[in-house]
Amino acid sequence: LGRHFRTEGWLIGYTLGQAVILFILTYEV
């Protein structure tokens, strides 16, 4: 996403990754 949308793309992509972590750990809890 950063290649196409610059800083916004990087932030969106990294936030998506952290959201995946949150979803997995919430399921585990």
PDB file of all heavy atoms in Angstrom:
ATOM      1  N   LEU A   1       0.825  -1.210   0.000  1.00  0.00           N
ATOM      2  CA  LEU A   1       0.000   0.000   0.000  1.00  0.00           C
ATOM      3  C   LEU A   1       0.860   1.261   0.000  1.00  0.00           C
ATOM      4  O   LEU A   1       0.483   2.277  -0.588  1.00  0.00           O
ATOM      5  CB  LEU A   1      -0.922   0.001   1.220  1.00  0.00           C
ATOM      6  CG  LEU A   1      -1.984  -1.103   1.253  1.00  0.00           C
ATOM      7  CD1 LEU A   1      -2.744  -1.089   2.575  1.00  0.00           C
ATOM      8  CD2 LEU A   1      -2.957  -0.934   0.083  1.00  0.00           C
ATOM      9  N   GLY A   2       2.013   1.200   0.671  1.00  0.00           N
ATOM     10  CA  GLY A   2       2.895   2.365   0.707  1.00  0.00           C
ATOM     11  C   GLY A   2       3.448   2.725  -0.653  1.00  0.00           C
ATOM     12  O   GLY A   2       3.711   3.907  -0.934  1.00  0.00           O
ATOM     13  N   ARG A   3       3.609   1.738  -1.495  1.00  0.00           N
ATOM     14  CA  ARG A   3       4.118   1.997  -2.846  1.00  0.00           C
ATOM     15  C   ARG A   3       3.136   2.857  -3.653  1.00  0.00           C
ATOM     16  O   ARG A   3       3.544   3.649  -4.503  1.00  0.00           O
ATOM     17  CB  ARG A   3       4.369   0.674  -3.573  1.00  0.00           C
ATOM     18  CG  ARG A   3       5.025   0.814  -4.940  1.00  0.00           C
ATOM     19  CD  ARG A   3       5.250  -0.548  -5.553  1.00  0.00           C
ATOM     20  NE  ARG A   3       6.147  -1.365  -4.740  1.00  0.00           N
ATOM     21  CZ  ARG A   3       7.477  -1.311  -4.838  1.00  0.00           C
ATOM     22  NH1 ARG A   3       8.047  -0.473  -5.684  1.00  0.00           N
ATOM     23  NH2 ARG A   3       8.213  -2.084  -4.086  1.00  0.00           N
ATOM     24  N   HIS A   4       1.842   2.705  -3.358  1.00  0.00           N
ATOM     25  CA  HIS A   4       0.808   3.424  -4.112  1.00  0.00           C
ATOM     26  C   HIS A   4       0.251   4.636  -3.368  1.00  0.00           C
ATOM     27  O   HIS A   4      -0.132   5.622  -3.997  1.00  0.00           O
ATOM     28  CB  HIS A   4      -0.335   2.461  -4.460  1.00  0.00           C
ATOM     29  CG  HIS A   4       0.084   1.287  -5.280  1.00  0.00           C
ATOM     30  ND1 HIS A   4       0.380   1.391  -6.627  1.00  0.00           N
ATOM     31  CD2 HIS A   4       0.282  -0.017  -4.943  1.00  0.00           C
ATOM     32  CE1 HIS A   4       0.719   0.202  -7.096  1.00  0.00           C
ATOM     33  NE2 HIS A   4       0.676  -0.671  -6.096  1.00  0.00           N
ATOM     34  N   PHE A   5       0.185   4.556  -2.032  1.00  0.00           N
ATOM     35  CA  PHE A   5      -0.480   5.619  -1.255  1.00  0.00           C
ATOM     36  C   PHE A   5       0.444   6.303  -0.248  1.00  0.00           C
ATOM     37  O   PHE A   5      -0.031   6.980   0.661  1.00  0.00           O
ATOM     38  CB  PHE A   5      -1.706   5.031  -0.531  1.00  0.00           C
ATOM     39  CG  PHE A   5      -2.690   4.374  -1.453  1.00  0.00           C
ATOM     40  CD1 PHE A   5      -2.802   2.992  -1.504  1.00  0.00           C
ATOM     41  CD2 PHE A   5      -3.501   5.140  -2.280  1.00  0.00           C
ATOM     42  CE1 PHE A   5      -3.707   2.376  -2.354  1.00  0.00           C
ATOM     43  CE2 PHE A   5      -4.417   4.535  -3.137  1.00  0.00           C
ATOM     44  CZ  PHE A   5      -4.515   3.154  -3.182  1.00  0.00           C
ATOM     45  N   ARG A   6       1.748   6.079  -0.379  1.00  0.00           N
ATOM     46  CA  ARG A   6       2.755   6.760   0.443  1.00  0.00           C
ATOM     47  C   ARG A   6       2.518   6.541   1.939  1.00  0.00           C
ATOM     48  O   ARG A   6       2.270   5.423   2.356  1.00  0.00           O
ATOM     49  CB  ARG A   6       2.797   8.262   0.097  1.00  0.00           C
ATOM     50  CG  ARG A   6       2.810   8.597  -1.391  1.00  0.00           C
ATOM     51  CD  ARG A   6       3.978   7.993  -2.121  1.00  0.00           C
ATOM     52  NE  ARG A   6       5.257   8.553  -1.673  1.00  0.00           N
ATOM     53  CZ  ARG A   6       6.433   8.136  -2.139  1.00  0.00           C
ATOM     54  NH1 ARG A   6       6.491   7.154  -3.022  1.00  0.00           N
ATOM     55  NH2 ARG A   6       7.551   8.694  -1.699  1.00  0.00           N
ATOM     56  N   THR A   7       2.586   7.605   2.724  1.00  0.00           N
ATOM     57  CA  THR A   7       2.496   7.450   4.183  1.00  0.00           C
ATOM     58  C   THR A   7       1.154   6.869   4.631  1.00  0.00           C
ATOM     59  O   THR A   7       1.102   6.067   5.563  1.00  0.00           O
ATOM     60  CB  THR A   7       2.713   8.810   4.881  1.00  0.00           C
ATOM     61  OG1 THR A   7       1.805   9.776   4.339  1.00  0.00           O
ATOM     62  CG2 THR A   7       4.127   9.300   4.708  1.00  0.00           C
ATOM     63  N   GLU A   8       0.075   7.277   3.963  1.00  0.00           N
ATOM     64  CA  GLU A   8      -1.229   6.728   4.325  1.00  0.00           C
ATOM     65  C   GLU A   8      -1.258   5.209   4.119  1.00  0.00           C
ATOM     66  O   GLU A   8      -1.794   4.461   4.939  1.00  0.00           O
ATOM     67  CB  GLU A   8      -2.345   7.370   3.498  1.00  0.00           C
ATOM     68  CG  GLU A   8      -2.625   8.828   3.823  1.00  0.00           C
ATOM     69  CD  GLU A   8      -1.760   9.780   3.010  1.00  0.00           C
ATOM     70  OE1 GLU A   8      -0.720   9.335   2.450  1.00  0.00           O
ATOM     71  OE2 GLU A   8      -2.128  10.968   2.925  1.00  0.00           O
ATOM     72  N   GLY A   9      -0.655   4.754   3.024  1.00  0.00           N
ATOM     73  CA  GLY A   9      -0.600   3.329   2.749  1.00  0.00           C
ATOM     74  C   GLY A   9       0.200   2.561   3.789  1.00  0.00           C
ATOM     75  O   GLY A   9      -0.197   1.477   4.230  1.00  0.00           O
ATOM     76  N   TRP A  10       1.334   3.125   4.198  1.00  0.00           N
ATOM     77  CA  TRP A  10       2.142   2.475   5.227  1.00  0.00           C
ATOM     78  C   TRP A  10       1.378   2.373   6.541  1.00  0.00           C
ATOM     79  O   TRP A  10       1.390   1.344   7.207  1.00  0.00           O
ATOM     80  CB  TRP A  10       3.449   3.255   5.447  1.00  0.00           C
ATOM     81  CG  TRP A  10       4.560   2.755   4.582  1.00  0.00           C
ATOM     82  CD1 TRP A  10       4.894   3.181   3.331  1.00  0.00           C
ATOM     83  CD2 TRP A  10       5.474   1.702   4.898  1.00  0.00           C
ATOM     84  NE1 TRP A  10       5.959   2.467   2.837  1.00  0.00           N
ATOM     85  CE2 TRP A  10       6.340   1.558   3.789  1.00  0.00           C
ATOM     86  CE3 TRP A  10       5.643   0.878   6.000  1.00  0.00           C
ATOM     87  CZ2 TRP A  10       7.367   0.606   3.762  1.00  0.00           C
ATOM     88  CZ3 TRP A  10       6.664  -0.073   5.978  1.00  0.00           C
ATOM     89  CH2 TRP A  10       7.512  -0.199   4.867  1.00  0.00           C
ATOM     90  N   LEU A  11       0.698   3.437   6.923  1.00  0.00           N
ATOM     91  CA  LEU A  11      -0.045   3.421   8.181  1.00  0.00           C
ATOM     92  C   LEU A  11      -1.212   2.428   8.121  1.00  0.00           C
ATOM     93  O   LEU A  11      -1.450   1.673   9.076  1.00  0.00           O
ATOM     94  CB  LEU A  11      -0.570   4.816   8.500  1.00  0.00           C
ATOM     95  CG  LEU A  11      -1.352   4.961   9.815  1.00  0.00           C
ATOM     96  CD1 LEU A  11      -0.488   4.547  10.997  1.00  0.00           C
ATOM     97  CD2 LEU A  11      -1.852   6.387   9.991  1.00  0.00           C
ATOM     98  N   ILE A  12      -1.935   2.412   6.996  1.00  0.00           N
ATOM     99  CA  ILE A  12      -3.050   1.478   6.845  1.00  0.00           C
ATOM    100  C   ILE A  12      -2.551   0.036   6.919  1.00  0.00           C
ATOM    101  O   ILE A  12      -3.128  -0.812   7.618  1.00  0.00           O
ATOM    102  CB  ILE A  12      -3.786   1.720   5.512  1.00  0.00           C
ATOM    103  CG1 ILE A  12      -4.490   3.084   5.531  1.00  0.00           C
ATOM    104  CG2 ILE A  12      -4.804   0.609   5.248  1.00  0.00           C
ATOM    105  CD1 ILE A  12      -5.056   3.494   4.180  1.00  0.00           C
ATOM    106  N   GLY A  13      -1.473  -0.249   6.197  1.00  0.00           N
ATOM    107  CA  GLY A  13      -0.932  -1.609   6.182  1.00  0.00           C
ATOM    108  C   GLY A  13      -0.465  -2.066   7.543  1.00  0.00           C
ATOM    109  O   GLY A  13      -0.772  -3.186   7.983  1.00  0.00           O
ATOM    110  N   TYR A  14       0.274  -1.200   8.243  1.00  0.00           N
ATOM    111  CA  TYR A  14       0.787  -1.594   9.554  1.00  0.00           C
ATOM    112  C   TYR A  14      -0.351  -1.742  10.566  1.00  0.00           C
ATOM    113  O   TYR A  14      -0.334  -2.654  11.401  1.00  0.00           O
ATOM    114  CB  TYR A  14       1.805  -0.573  10.055  1.00  0.00           C
ATOM    115  CG  TYR A  14       2.536  -1.053  11.283  1.00  0.00           C
ATOM    116  CD1 TYR A  14       3.556  -2.000  11.173  1.00  0.00           C
ATOM    117  CD2 TYR A  14       2.190  -0.600  12.549  1.00  0.00           C
ATOM    118  CE1 TYR A  14       4.225  -2.466  12.294  1.00  0.00           C
ATOM    119  CE2 TYR A  14       2.844  -1.074  13.673  1.00  0.00           C
ATOM    120  CZ  TYR A  14       3.861  -2.002  13.540  1.00  0.00           C
ATOM    121  OH  TYR A  14       4.501  -2.476  14.658  1.00  0.00           O
ATOM    122  N   THR A  15      -1.341  -0.851  10.484  1.00  0.00           N
ATOM    123  CA  THR A  15      -2.508  -0.960  11.365  1.00  0.00           C
ATOM    124  C   THR A  15      -3.238  -2.274  11.120  1.00  0.00           C
ATOM    125  O   THR A  15      -3.707  -2.922  12.066  1.00  0.00           O
ATOM    126  CB  THR A  15      -3.465   0.220  11.136  1.00  0.00           C
ATOM    127  OG1 THR A  15      -2.781   1.451  11.404  1.00  0.00           O
ATOM    128  CG2 THR A  15      -4.684   0.125  12.049  1.00  0.00           C
ATOM    129  N   LEU A  16      -3.346  -2.684   9.865  1.00  0.00           N
ATOM    130  CA  LEU A  16      -3.975  -3.961   9.530  1.00  0.00           C
ATOM    131  C   LEU A  16      -3.252  -5.115  10.213  1.00  0.00           C
ATOM    132  O   LEU A  16      -3.889  -6.023  10.770  1.00  0.00           O
ATOM    133  CB  LEU A  16      -3.975  -4.159   8.013  1.00  0.00           C
ATOM    134  CG  LEU A  16      -4.505  -5.512   7.504  1.00  0.00           C
ATOM    135  CD1 LEU A  16      -5.972  -5.676   7.878  1.00  0.00           C
ATOM    136  CD2 LEU A  16      -4.328  -5.613   5.988  1.00  0.00           C
ATOM    137  N   GLY A  17      -1.922  -5.079  10.183  1.00  0.00           N
ATOM    138  CA  GLY A  17      -1.147  -6.137  10.835  1.00  0.00           C
ATOM    139  C   GLY A  17      -1.389  -6.196  12.330  1.00  0.00           C
ATOM    140  O   GLY A  17      -1.547  -7.282  12.905  1.00  0.00           O
ATOM    141  N   GLN A  18      -1.429  -5.025  12.989  1.00  0.00           N
ATOM    142  CA  GLN A  18      -1.689  -5.000  14.432  1.00  0.00           C
ATOM    143  C   GLN A  18      -3.111  -5.451  14.753  1.00  0.00           C
ATOM    144  O   GLN A  18      -3.354  -6.090  15.781  1.00  0.00           O
ATOM    145  CB  GLN A  18      -1.457  -3.587  14.977  1.00  0.00           C
ATOM    146  CG  GLN A  18      -0.040  -3.059  14.777  1.00  0.00           C
ATOM    147  CD  GLN A  18       1.027  -4.020  15.271  1.00  0.00           C
ATOM    148  OE1 GLN A  18       1.052  -4.373  16.445  1.00  0.00           O
ATOM    149  NE2 GLN A  18       1.890  -4.464  14.370  1.00  0.00           N
ATOM    150  N   ALA A  19      -4.051  -5.140  13.855  1.00  0.00           N
ATOM    151  CA  ALA A  19      -5.433  -5.589  14.044  1.00  0.00           C
ATOM    152  C   ALA A  19      -5.513  -7.111  13.952  1.00  0.00           C
ATOM    153  O   ALA A  19      -6.302  -7.744  14.679  1.00  0.00           O
ATOM    154  CB  ALA A  19      -6.352  -4.939  13.002  1.00  0.00           C
ATOM    155  N   VAL A  20      -4.719  -7.711  13.082  1.00  0.00           N
ATOM    156  CA  VAL A  20      -4.672  -9.171  12.980  1.00  0.00           C
ATOM    157  C   VAL A  20      -4.165  -9.772  14.294  1.00  0.00           C
ATOM    158  O   VAL A  20      -4.723 -10.758  14.800  1.00  0.00           O
ATOM    159  CB  VAL A  20      -3.759  -9.604  11.807  1.00  0.00           C
ATOM    160  CG1 VAL A  20      -3.494 -11.109  11.856  1.00  0.00           C
ATOM    161  CG2 VAL A  20      -4.402  -9.237  10.474  1.00  0.00           C
ATOM    162  N   ILE A  21      -3.119  -9.173  14.850  1.00  0.00           N
ATOM    163  CA  ILE A  21      -2.594  -9.633  16.142  1.00  0.00           C
ATOM    164  C   ILE A  21      -3.674  -9.541  17.211  1.00  0.00           C
ATOM    165  O   ILE A  21      -3.884 -10.473  17.995  1.00  0.00           O
ATOM    166  CB  ILE A  21      -1.367  -8.808  16.558  1.00  0.00           C
ATOM    167  CG1 ILE A  21      -0.233  -8.983  15.560  1.00  0.00           C
ATOM    168  CG2 ILE A  21      -0.893  -9.216  17.956  1.00  0.00           C
ATOM    169  CD1 ILE A  21       0.961  -8.072  15.814  1.00  0.00           C
ATOM    170  N   LEU A  22      -4.364  -8.400  17.246  1.00  0.00           N
ATOM    171  CA  LEU A  22      -5.419  -8.191  18.242  1.00  0.00           C
ATOM    172  C   LEU A  22      -6.527  -9.229  18.092  1.00  0.00           C
ATOM    173  O   LEU A  22      -7.020  -9.778  19.091  1.00  0.00           O
ATOM    174  CB  LEU A  22      -5.985  -6.782  18.103  1.00  0.00           C
ATOM    175  CG  LEU A  22      -7.120  -6.399  19.065  1.00  0.00           C
ATOM    176  CD1 LEU A  22      -6.656  -6.489  20.511  1.00  0.00           C
ATOM    177  CD2 LEU A  22      -7.636  -4.999  18.750  1.00  0.00           C
ATOM    178  N   PHE A  23      -6.931  -9.506  16.866  1.00  0.00           N
ATOM    179  CA  PHE A  23      -7.995 -10.484  16.625  1.00  0.00           C
ATOM    180  C   PHE A  23      -7.571 -11.871  17.101  1.00  0.00           C
ATOM    181  O   PHE A  23      -8.344 -12.578  17.770  1.00  0.00           O
ATOM    182  CB  PHE A  23      -8.337 -10.522  15.127  1.00  0.00           C
ATOM    183  CG  PHE A  23      -9.356 -11.572  14.768  1.00  0.00           C
ATOM    184  CD1 PHE A  23     -10.706 -11.346  14.955  1.00  0.00           C
ATOM    185  CD2 PHE A  23      -8.950 -12.800  14.249  1.00  0.00           C
ATOM    186  CE1 PHE A  23     -11.646 -12.327  14.630  1.00  0.00           C
ATOM    187  CE2 PHE A  23      -9.875 -13.778  13.926  1.00  0.00           C
ATOM    188  CZ  PHE A  23     -11.232 -13.533  14.113  1.00  0.00           C
ATOM    189  N   ILE A  24      -6.342 -12.276  16.770  1.00  0.00           N
ATOM    190  CA  ILE A  24      -5.858 -13.610  17.157  1.00  0.00           C
ATOM    191  C   ILE A  24      -5.794 -13.745  18.675  1.00  0.00           C
ATOM    192  O   ILE A  24      -6.255 -14.737  19.254  1.00  0.00           O
ATOM    193  CB  ILE A  24      -4.474 -13.885  16.543  1.00  0.00           C
ATOM    194  CG1 ILE A  24      -4.567 -13.962  15.017  1.00  0.00           C
ATOM    195  CG2 ILE A  24      -3.878 -15.180  17.100  1.00  0.00           C
ATOM    196  CD1 ILE A  24      -3.219 -14.068  14.323  1.00  0.00           C
ATOM    197  N   LEU A  25      -5.230 -12.722  19.342  1.00  0.00           N
ATOM    198  CA  LEU A  25      -5.078 -12.798  20.791  1.00  0.00           C
ATOM    199  C   LEU A  25      -6.425 -12.708  21.508  1.00  0.00           C
ATOM    200  O   LEU A  25      -6.616 -13.337  22.550  1.00  0.00           O
ATOM    201  CB  LEU A  25      -4.141 -11.691  21.275  1.00  0.00           C
ATOM    202  CG  LEU A  25      -2.692 -11.783  20.785  1.00  0.00           C
ATOM    203  CD1 LEU A  25      -1.837 -10.709  21.428  1.00  0.00           C
ATOM    204  CD2 LEU A  25      -2.108 -13.169  21.082  1.00  0.00           C
ATOM    205  N   THR A  26      -7.353 -11.923  20.954  1.00  0.00           N
ATOM    206  CA  THR A  26      -8.697 -11.863  21.535  1.00  0.00           C
ATOM    207  C   THR A  26      -9.370 -13.233  21.462  1.00  0.00           C
ATOM    208  O   THR A  26     -10.006 -13.681  22.427  1.00  0.00           O
ATOM    209  CB  THR A  26      -9.558 -10.823  20.788  1.00  0.00           C
ATOM    210  OG1 THR A  26      -8.971  -9.524  20.948  1.00  0.00           O
ATOM    211  CG2 THR A  26     -10.982 -10.796  21.344  1.00  0.00           C
ATOM    212  N   TYR A  27      -9.216 -13.885  20.335  1.00  0.00           N
ATOM    213  CA  TYR A  27      -9.758 -15.242  20.192  1.00  0.00           C
ATOM    214  C   TYR A  27      -9.138 -16.181  21.218  1.00  0.00           C
ATOM    215  O   TYR A  27      -9.849 -17.005  21.834  1.00  0.00           O
ATOM    216  CB  TYR A  27      -9.493 -15.759  18.772  1.00  0.00           C
ATOM    217  CG  TYR A  27      -9.821 -17.228  18.591  1.00  0.00           C
ATOM    218  CD1 TYR A  27     -11.141 -17.649  18.434  1.00  0.00           C
ATOM    219  CD2 TYR A  27      -8.797 -18.177  18.582  1.00  0.00           C
ATOM    220  CE1 TYR A  27     -11.442 -18.987  18.273  1.00  0.00           C
ATOM    221  CE2 TYR A  27      -9.093 -19.530  18.427  1.00  0.00           C
ATOM    222  CZ  TYR A  27     -10.413 -19.928  18.278  1.00  0.00           C
ATOM    223  OH  TYR A  27     -10.710 -21.254  18.131  1.00  0.00           O
ATOM    224  N   GLU A  28      -7.826 -16.082  21.433  1.00  0.00           N
ATOM    225  CA  GLU A  28      -7.153 -16.951  22.395  1.00  0.00           C
ATOM    226  C   GLU A  28      -7.651 -16.702  23.813  1.00  0.00           C
ATOM    227  O   GLU A  28      -7.842 -17.643  24.595  1.00  0.00           O
ATOM    228  CB  GLU A  28      -5.639 -16.748  22.321  1.00  0.00           C
ATOM    229  CG  GLU A  28      -4.988 -17.222  21.031  1.00  0.00           C
ATOM    230  CD  GLU A  28      -5.087 -18.723  20.843  1.00  0.00           C
ATOM    231  OE1 GLU A  28      -5.154 -19.443  21.853  1.00  0.00           O
ATOM    232  OE2 GLU A  28      -5.105 -19.184  19.685  1.00  0.00           O
ATOM    233  N   VAL A  29      -7.851 -15.432  24.160  1.00  0.00           N
ATOM    234  CA  VAL A  29      -8.342 -15.102  25.502  1.00  0.00           C
ATOM    235  C   VAL A  29      -9.731 -15.687  25.722  1.00  0.00           C
ATOM    236  O   VAL A  29     -10.009 -16.330  26.747  1.00  0.00           O
ATOM    237  CB  VAL A  29      -8.363 -13.576  25.724  1.00  0.00           C
ATOM    238  CG1 VAL A  29      -9.126 -13.229  27.001  1.00  0.00           C
ATOM    239  CG2 VAL A  29      -6.946 -13.028  25.816  1.00  0.00           C
TER     240      VAL A  29
END
